[in-house]
Amino acid sequence: MTPTWSLPEPMLTVAVDNPTLHTGGAAEPKWDGLRAQLAVYAGRRVLLRSRRGTDMTAAFPEINAAAHTQLPANGPGGVRR
């Protein structure tokens, strides 16, 4: 059975006229590159998806391997996905 999943809404950059932050505001630089979401499902299935939902897992075998060796088998805190 294929797990069901949904992507959270992506955090996209927004152009501003003035770089001054309001009190309590936060910002981060936008670096060129890729943004991805990593999920490890029960049975150790790893999925790496772009913000648009494209499966990028095969393009990054080193991330797939690291997820298998460094992340808990049932996800953070032992929670099954």
PDB file of N, CA and C in Angstrom:
ATOM      1  N   MET A   1       0.835  -1.178   0.000  1.00  0.00           N
ATOM      2  CA  MET A   1       0.000   0.000   0.000  1.00  0.00           C
ATOM      3  C   MET A   1       0.884   1.247   0.000  1.00  0.00           C
ATOM      4  N   THR A   2       0.633   2.147  -0.905  1.00  0.00           N
ATOM      5  CA  THR A   2       1.387   3.392  -0.992  1.00  0.00           C
ATOM      6  C   THR A   2       0.871   4.358   0.070  1.00  0.00           C
ATOM      7  N   PRO A   3       1.781   4.931   0.882  1.00  0.00           N
ATOM      8  CA  PRO A   3       1.324   5.867   1.903  1.00  0.00           C
ATOM      9  C   PRO A   3       0.732   7.122   1.274  1.00  0.00           C
ATOM     10  N   THR A   4      -0.242   7.674   1.945  1.00  0.00           N
ATOM     11  CA  THR A   4      -0.786   8.952   1.490  1.00  0.00           C
ATOM     12  C   THR A   4      -0.043  10.058   2.215  1.00  0.00           C
ATOM     13  N   TRP A   5       0.155  11.154   1.528  1.00  0.00           N
ATOM     14  CA  TRP A   5       0.860  12.280   2.127  1.00  0.00           C
ATOM     15  C   TRP A   5       0.435  13.550   1.422  1.00  0.00           C
ATOM     16  N   SER A   6       0.700  14.636   2.049  1.00  0.00           N
ATOM     17  CA  SER A   6       0.460  15.929   1.420  1.00  0.00           C
ATOM     18  C   SER A   6       1.595  16.861   1.835  1.00  0.00           C
ATOM     19  N   LEU A   7       1.926  17.760   0.955  1.00  0.00           N
ATOM     20  CA  LEU A   7       2.973  18.738   1.253  1.00  0.00           C
ATOM     21  C   LEU A   7       2.377  19.924   1.990  1.00  0.00           C
ATOM     22  N   PRO A   8       3.108  20.459   2.975  1.00  0.00           N
ATOM     23  CA  PRO A   8       2.648  21.714   3.576  1.00  0.00           C
ATOM     24  C   PRO A   8       2.806  22.834   2.550  1.00  0.00           C
ATOM     25  N   GLU A   9       2.118  23.926   2.770  1.00  0.00           N
ATOM     26  CA  GLU A   9       2.271  25.070   1.876  1.00  0.00           C
ATOM     27  C   GLU A   9       3.718  25.549   1.924  1.00  0.00           C
ATOM     28  N   PRO A  10       4.342  25.774   0.779  1.00  0.00           N
ATOM     29  CA  PRO A  10       5.743  26.209   0.770  1.00  0.00           C
ATOM     30  C   PRO A  10       5.888  27.634   1.285  1.00  0.00           C
ATOM     31  N   MET A  11       7.059  27.892   1.866  1.00  0.00           N
ATOM     32  CA  MET A  11       7.388  29.244   2.310  1.00  0.00           C
ATOM     33  C   MET A  11       8.163  29.893   1.173  1.00  0.00           C
ATOM     34  N   LEU A  12       7.511  30.740   0.434  1.00  0.00           N
ATOM     35  CA  LEU A  12       8.139  31.382  -0.715  1.00  0.00           C
ATOM     36  C   LEU A  12       8.651  32.761  -0.349  1.00  0.00           C
ATOM     37  N   THR A  13       9.657  33.215  -1.076  1.00  0.00           N
ATOM     38  CA  THR A  13      10.176  34.555  -0.846  1.00  0.00           C
ATOM     39  C   THR A  13       9.216  35.584  -1.420  1.00  0.00           C
ATOM     40  N   VAL A  14       9.247  36.750  -0.836  1.00  0.00           N
ATOM     41  CA  VAL A  14       8.389  37.849  -1.279  1.00  0.00           C
ATOM     42  C   VAL A  14       9.253  39.096  -1.420  1.00  0.00           C
ATOM     43  N   ALA A  15       9.161  39.746  -2.556  1.00  0.00           N
ATOM     44  CA  ALA A  15       9.929  40.981  -2.766  1.00  0.00           C
ATOM     45  C   ALA A  15       9.344  42.107  -1.913  1.00  0.00           C
ATOM     46  N   VAL A  16      10.220  42.957  -1.388  1.00  0.00           N
ATOM     47  CA  VAL A  16       9.795  44.114  -0.593  1.00  0.00           C
ATOM     48  C   VAL A  16      10.496  45.363  -1.107  1.00  0.00           C
ATOM     49  N   ASP A  17       9.890  46.512  -0.867  1.00  0.00           N
ATOM     50  CA  ASP A  17      10.489  47.783  -1.270  1.00  0.00           C
ATOM     51  C   ASP A  17      11.564  48.242  -0.300  1.00  0.00           C
ATOM     52  N   ASN A  18      11.444  47.826   0.977  1.00  0.00           N
ATOM     53  CA  ASN A  18      12.340  48.285   2.024  1.00  0.00           C
ATOM     54  C   ASN A  18      12.765  47.067   2.856  1.00  0.00           C
ATOM     55  N   PRO A  19      14.067  46.838   3.015  1.00  0.00           N
ATOM     56  CA  PRO A  19      14.514  45.660   3.754  1.00  0.00           C
ATOM     57  C   PRO A  19      14.417  45.787   5.272  1.00  0.00           C
ATOM     58  N   THR A  20      13.930  46.911   5.787  1.00  0.00           N
ATOM     59  CA  THR A  20      13.808  47.097   7.224  1.00  0.00           C
ATOM     60  C   THR A  20      12.711  46.191   7.773  1.00  0.00           C
ATOM     61  N   LEU A  21      13.030  45.444   8.821  1.00  0.00           N
ATOM     62  CA  LEU A  21      12.064  44.538   9.432  1.00  0.00           C
ATOM     63  C   LEU A  21      11.256  45.248  10.494  1.00  0.00           C
ATOM     64  N   HIS A  22       9.989  44.896  10.604  1.00  0.00           N
ATOM     65  CA  HIS A  22       9.172  45.427  11.685  1.00  0.00           C
ATOM     66  C   HIS A  22       9.551  44.713  12.982  1.00  0.00           C
ATOM     67  N   THR A  23       9.188  45.270  14.124  1.00  0.00           N
ATOM     68  CA  THR A  23       9.495  44.672  15.416  1.00  0.00           C
ATOM     69  C   THR A  23       8.921  43.265  15.477  1.00  0.00           C
ATOM     70  N   GLY A  24       9.752  42.322  15.859  1.00  0.00           N
ATOM     71  CA  GLY A  24       9.315  40.933  15.956  1.00  0.00           C
ATOM     72  C   GLY A  24       9.402  40.182  14.639  1.00  0.00           C
ATOM     73  N   GLY A  25       9.795  40.862  13.561  1.00  0.00           N
ATOM     74  CA  GLY A  25       9.902  40.213  12.250  1.00  0.00           C
ATOM     75  C   GLY A  25      11.200  39.430  12.133  1.00  0.00           C
ATOM     76  N   ALA A  26      11.256  38.553  11.167  1.00  0.00           N
ATOM     77  CA  ALA A  26      12.456  37.757  10.908  1.00  0.00           C
ATOM     78  C   ALA A  26      12.633  37.600   9.409  1.00  0.00           C
ATOM     79  N   ALA A  27      13.865  37.412   8.999  1.00  0.00           N
ATOM     80  CA  ALA A  27      14.156  37.219   7.580  1.00  0.00           C
ATOM     81  C   ALA A  27      15.358  36.304   7.454  1.00  0.00           C
ATOM     82  N   GLU A  28      15.513  35.731   6.285  1.00  0.00           N
ATOM     83  CA  GLU A  28      16.690  34.928   5.987  1.00  0.00           C
ATOM     84  C   GLU A  28      17.096  35.208   4.554  1.00  0.00           C
ATOM     85  N   PRO A  29      18.391  35.083   4.257  1.00  0.00           N
ATOM     86  CA  PRO A  29      18.806  35.298   2.864  1.00  0.00           C
ATOM     87  C   PRO A  29      18.244  34.194   1.980  1.00  0.00           C
ATOM     88  N   LYS A  30      17.978  34.516   0.747  1.00  0.00           N
ATOM     89  CA  LYS A  30      17.525  33.509  -0.216  1.00  0.00           C
ATOM     90  C   LYS A  30      18.730  33.095  -1.033  1.00  0.00           C
ATOM     91  N   TRP A  31      19.168  31.873  -0.827  1.00  0.00           N
ATOM     92  CA  TRP A  31      20.296  31.333  -1.560  1.00  0.00           C
ATOM     93  C   TRP A  31      19.754  30.601  -2.773  1.00  0.00           C
ATOM     94  N   ASP A  32      20.488  30.661  -3.878  1.00  0.00           N
ATOM     95  CA  ASP A  32      20.091  29.871  -5.040  1.00  0.00           C
ATOM     96  C   ASP A  32      20.323  28.405  -4.713  1.00  0.00           C
ATOM     97  N   GLY A  33      19.445  27.560  -5.166  1.00  0.00           N
ATOM     98  CA  GLY A  33      19.580  26.136  -4.904  1.00  0.00           C
ATOM     99  C   GLY A  33      18.230  25.465  -4.861  1.00  0.00           C
ATOM    100  N   LEU A  34      18.174  24.334  -4.204  1.00  0.00           N
ATOM    101  CA  LEU A  34      16.955  23.540  -4.127  1.00  0.00           C
ATOM    102  C   LEU A  34      16.399  23.538  -2.719  1.00  0.00           C
ATOM    103  N   ARG A  35      15.092  23.453  -2.621  1.00  0.00           N
ATOM    104  CA  ARG A  35      14.418  23.275  -1.356  1.00  0.00           C
ATOM    105  C   ARG A  35      13.671  21.965  -1.450  1.00  0.00           C
ATOM    106  N   ALA A  36      13.763  21.140  -0.428  1.00  0.00           N
ATOM    107  CA  ALA A  36      13.114  19.838  -0.490  1.00  0.00           C
ATOM    108  C   ALA A  36      12.577  19.448   0.880  1.00  0.00           C
ATOM    109  N   GLN A  37      11.639  18.523   0.855  1.00  0.00           N
ATOM    110  CA  GLN A  37      11.059  17.968   2.073  1.00  0.00           C
ATOM    111  C   GLN A  37      11.413  16.480   2.099  1.00  0.00           C
ATOM    112  N   LEU A  38      11.892  16.009   3.236  1.00  0.00           N
ATOM    113  CA  LEU A  38      12.286  14.620   3.395  1.00  0.00           C
ATOM    114  C   LEU A  38      11.290  13.921   4.306  1.00  0.00           C
ATOM    115  N   ALA A  39      10.841  12.742   3.914  1.00  0.00           N
ATOM    116  CA  ALA A  39       9.950  11.939   4.748  1.00  0.00           C
ATOM    117  C   ALA A  39      10.452  10.509   4.761  1.00  0.00           C
ATOM    118  N   VAL A  40      10.424   9.893   5.944  1.00  0.00           N
ATOM    119  CA  VAL A  40      10.761   8.485   6.092  1.00  0.00           C
ATOM    120  C   VAL A  40       9.501   7.798   6.585  1.00  0.00           C
ATOM    121  N   TYR A  41       9.012   6.848   5.808  1.00  0.00           N
ATOM    122  CA  TYR A  41       7.774   6.136   6.134  1.00  0.00           C
ATOM    123  C   TYR A  41       8.080   4.789   6.750  1.00  0.00           C
ATOM    124  N   ALA A  42       7.071   4.185   7.365  1.00  0.00           N
ATOM    125  CA  ALA A  42       7.203   2.836   7.906  1.00  0.00           C
ATOM    126  C   ALA A  42       7.716   1.937   6.787  1.00  0.00           C
ATOM    127  N   GLY A  43       8.558   0.998   7.126  1.00  0.00           N
ATOM    128  CA  GLY A  43       9.166   0.144   6.120  1.00  0.00           C
ATOM    129  C   GLY A  43      10.416   0.773   5.535  1.00  0.00           C
ATOM    130  N   ARG A  44      10.830   1.915   6.101  1.00  0.00           N
ATOM    131  CA  ARG A  44      12.059   2.616   5.706  1.00  0.00           C
ATOM    132  C   ARG A  44      11.996   3.220   4.318  1.00  0.00           C
ATOM    133  N   ARG A  45      10.816   3.467   3.783  1.00  0.00           N
ATOM    134  CA  ARG A  45      10.719   4.140   2.482  1.00  0.00           C
ATOM    135  C   ARG A  45      11.034   5.623   2.675  1.00  0.00           C
ATOM    136  N   VAL A  46      11.972   6.121   1.890  1.00  0.00           N
ATOM    137  CA  VAL A  46      12.395   7.520   1.966  1.00  0.00           C
ATOM    138  C   VAL A  46      11.880   8.251   0.739  1.00  0.00           C
ATOM    139  N   LEU A  47      11.295   9.421   0.951  1.00  0.00           N
ATOM    140  CA  LEU A  47      10.855  10.277  -0.150  1.00  0.00           C
ATOM    141  C   LEU A  47      11.445  11.662   0.037  1.00  0.00           C
ATOM    142  N   LEU A  48      12.032  12.181  -1.026  1.00  0.00           N
ATOM    143  CA  LEU A  48      12.560  13.537  -1.045  1.00  0.00           C
ATOM    144  C   LEU A  48      11.790  14.260  -2.139  1.00  0.00           C
ATOM    145  N   ARG A  49      11.024  15.270  -1.770  1.00  0.00           N
ATOM    146  CA  ARG A  49      10.136  15.960  -2.711  1.00  0.00           C
ATOM    147  C   ARG A  49      10.474  17.442  -2.799  1.00  0.00           C
ATOM    148  N   SER A  50      10.295  17.987  -3.989  1.00  0.00           N
ATOM    149  CA  SER A  50      10.454  19.429  -4.185  1.00  0.00           C
ATOM    150  C   SER A  50       9.221  20.133  -3.627  1.00  0.00           C
ATOM    151  N   ARG A  51       9.272  21.447  -3.565  1.00  0.00           N
ATOM    152  CA  ARG A  51       8.125  22.189  -3.040  1.00  0.00           C
ATOM    153  C   ARG A  51       6.902  22.053  -3.936  1.00  0.00           C
ATOM    154  N   ARG A  52       7.091  21.640  -5.166  1.00  0.00           N
ATOM    155  CA  ARG A  52       5.962  21.419  -6.083  1.00  0.00           C
ATOM    156  C   ARG A  52       5.514  19.962  -6.098  1.00  0.00           C
ATOM    157  N   GLY A  53       6.166  19.128  -5.305  1.00  0.00           N
ATOM    158  CA  GLY A  53       5.762  17.736  -5.193  1.00  0.00           C
ATOM    159  C   GLY A  53       6.504  16.760  -6.065  1.00  0.00           C
ATOM    160  N   THR A  54       7.501  17.219  -6.808  1.00  0.00           N
ATOM    161  CA  THR A  54       8.275  16.338  -7.673  1.00  0.00           C
ATOM    162  C   THR A  54       9.149  15.417  -6.822  1.00  0.00           C
ATOM    163  N   ASP A  55       9.104  14.119  -7.102  1.00  0.00           N
ATOM    164  CA  ASP A  55       9.938  13.157  -6.387  1.00  0.00           C
ATOM    165  C   ASP A  55      11.385  13.314  -6.832  1.00  0.00           C
ATOM    166  N   MET A  56      12.270  13.726  -5.931  1.00  0.00           N
ATOM    167  CA  MET A  56      13.684  13.951  -6.233  1.00  0.00           C
ATOM    168  C   MET A  56      14.583  12.903  -5.590  1.00  0.00           C
ATOM    169  N   THR A  57      14.003  11.861  -5.015  1.00  0.00           N
ATOM    170  CA  THR A  57      14.764  10.873  -4.258  1.00  0.00           C
ATOM    171  C   THR A  57      15.894  10.250  -5.074  1.00  0.00           C
ATOM    172  N   ALA A  58      15.609   9.832  -6.302  1.00  0.00           N
ATOM    173  CA  ALA A  58      16.626   9.162  -7.124  1.00  0.00           C
ATOM    174  C   ALA A  58      17.775  10.093  -7.500  1.00  0.00           C
ATOM    175  N   ALA A  59      17.527  11.390  -7.533  1.00  0.00           N
ATOM    176  CA  ALA A  59      18.564  12.349  -7.920  1.00  0.00           C
ATOM    177  C   ALA A  59      19.567  12.603  -6.796  1.00  0.00           C
ATOM    178  N   PHE A  60      19.232  12.192  -5.564  1.00  0.00           N
ATOM    179  CA  PHE A  60      20.097  12.447  -4.412  1.00  0.00           C
ATOM    180  C   PHE A  60      20.295  11.165  -3.603  1.00  0.00           C
ATOM    181  N   PRO A  61      20.999  10.172  -4.178  1.00  0.00           N
ATOM    182  CA  PRO A  61      21.177   8.902  -3.470  1.00  0.00           C
ATOM    183  C   PRO A  61      21.908   9.053  -2.134  1.00  0.00           C
ATOM    184  N   GLU A  62      22.765  10.073  -2.011  1.00  0.00           N
ATOM    185  CA  GLU A  62      23.492  10.270  -0.750  1.00  0.00           C
ATOM    186  C   GLU A  62      22.554  10.706   0.373  1.00  0.00           C
ATOM    187  N   ILE A  63      21.513  11.474   0.052  1.00  0.00           N
ATOM    188  CA  ILE A  63      20.535  11.872   1.069  1.00  0.00           C
ATOM    189  C   ILE A  63      19.665  10.676   1.441  1.00  0.00           C
ATOM    190  N   ASN A  64      19.283   9.881   0.455  1.00  0.00           N
ATOM    191  CA  ASN A  64      18.512   8.663   0.696  1.00  0.00           C
ATOM    192  C   ASN A  64      19.288   7.739   1.634  1.00  0.00           C
ATOM    193  N   ALA A  65      20.571   7.525   1.345  1.00  0.00           N
ATOM    194  CA  ALA A  65      21.400   6.650   2.174  1.00  0.00           C
ATOM    195  C   ALA A  65      21.561   7.211   3.586  1.00  0.00           C
ATOM    196  N   ALA A  66      21.780   8.516   3.699  1.00  0.00           N
ATOM    197  CA  ALA A  66      21.941   9.143   5.019  1.00  0.00           C
ATOM    198  C   ALA A  66      20.659   9.028   5.832  1.00  0.00           C
ATOM    199  N   ALA A  67      19.507   9.178   5.197  1.00  0.00           N
ATOM    200  CA  ALA A  67      18.227   9.051   5.903  1.00  0.00           C
ATOM    201  C   ALA A  67      18.078   7.639   6.456  1.00  0.00           C
ATOM    202  N   HIS A  68      18.483   6.642   5.674  1.00  0.00           N
ATOM    203  CA  HIS A  68      18.381   5.259   6.134  1.00  0.00           C
ATOM    204  C   HIS A  68      19.307   4.968   7.312  1.00  0.00           C
ATOM    205  N   THR A  69      20.480   5.561   7.315  1.00  0.00           N
ATOM    206  CA  THR A  69      21.452   5.255   8.369  1.00  0.00           C
ATOM    207  C   THR A  69      21.371   6.178   9.578  1.00  0.00           C
ATOM    208  N   GLN A  70      20.823   7.395   9.413  1.00  0.00           N
ATOM    209  CA  GLN A  70      20.878   8.364  10.500  1.00  0.00           C
ATOM    210  C   GLN A  70      19.536   8.722  11.129  1.00  0.00           C
ATOM    211  N   LEU A  71      18.416   8.364  10.500  1.00  0.00           N
ATOM    212  CA  LEU A  71      17.111   8.708  11.062  1.00  0.00           C
ATOM    213  C   LEU A  71      16.459   7.474  11.678  1.00  0.00           C
ATOM    214  N   PRO A  72      15.664   7.672  12.733  1.00  0.00           N
ATOM    215  CA  PRO A  72      14.990   6.536  13.362  1.00  0.00           C
ATOM    216  C   PRO A  72      14.084   5.797  12.378  1.00  0.00           C
ATOM    217  N   ALA A  73      13.962   4.490  12.549  1.00  0.00           N
ATOM    218  CA  ALA A  73      13.166   3.668  11.643  1.00  0.00           C
ATOM    219  C   ALA A  73      11.700   4.075  11.607  1.00  0.00           C
ATOM    220  N   ASN A  74      11.167   4.558  12.709  1.00  0.00           N
ATOM    221  CA  ASN A  74       9.753   4.932  12.764  1.00  0.00           C
ATOM    222  C   ASN A  74       9.551   6.436  12.821  1.00  0.00           C
ATOM    223  N   GLY A  75      10.513   7.198  12.358  1.00  0.00           N
ATOM    224  CA  GLY A  75      10.382   8.651  12.356  1.00  0.00           C
ATOM    225  C   GLY A  75      10.755   9.253  13.700  1.00  0.00           C
ATOM    226  N   PRO A  76      10.733  10.590  13.796  1.00  0.00           N
ATOM    227  CA  PRO A  76      11.104  11.256  15.048  1.00  0.00           C
ATOM    228  C   PRO A  76      10.217  10.799  16.196  1.00  0.00           C
ATOM    229  N   GLY A  77      10.836  10.476  17.308  1.00  0.00           N
ATOM    230  CA  GLY A  77      10.076  10.059  18.478  1.00  0.00           C
ATOM    231  C   GLY A  77       9.412   8.700  18.338  1.00  0.00           C
ATOM    232  N   GLY A  78       9.801   7.928  17.330  1.00  0.00           N
ATOM    233  CA  GLY A  78       9.210   6.616  17.122  1.00  0.00           C
ATOM    234  C   GLY A  78       7.818   6.637  16.521  1.00  0.00           C
ATOM    235  N   VAL A  79       7.410   7.763  15.964  1.00  0.00           N
ATOM    236  CA  VAL A  79       6.076   7.879  15.394  1.00  0.00           C
ATOM    237  C   VAL A  79       6.052   7.220  14.018  1.00  0.00           C
ATOM    238  N   ARG A  80       5.121   6.310  13.820  1.00  0.00           N
ATOM    239  CA  ARG A  80       4.976   5.634  12.542  1.00  0.00           C
ATOM    240  C   ARG A  80       4.242   6.522  11.566  1.00  0.00           C
ATOM    241  N   ARG A  81       4.753   6.600  10.337  1.00  0.00           N
ATOM    242  CA  ARG A  81       4.093   7.414   9.310  1.00  0.00           C
ATOM    243  C   ARG A  81       3.410   6.511   8.334  1.00  0.00           C
TER     244      ARG A  81
END
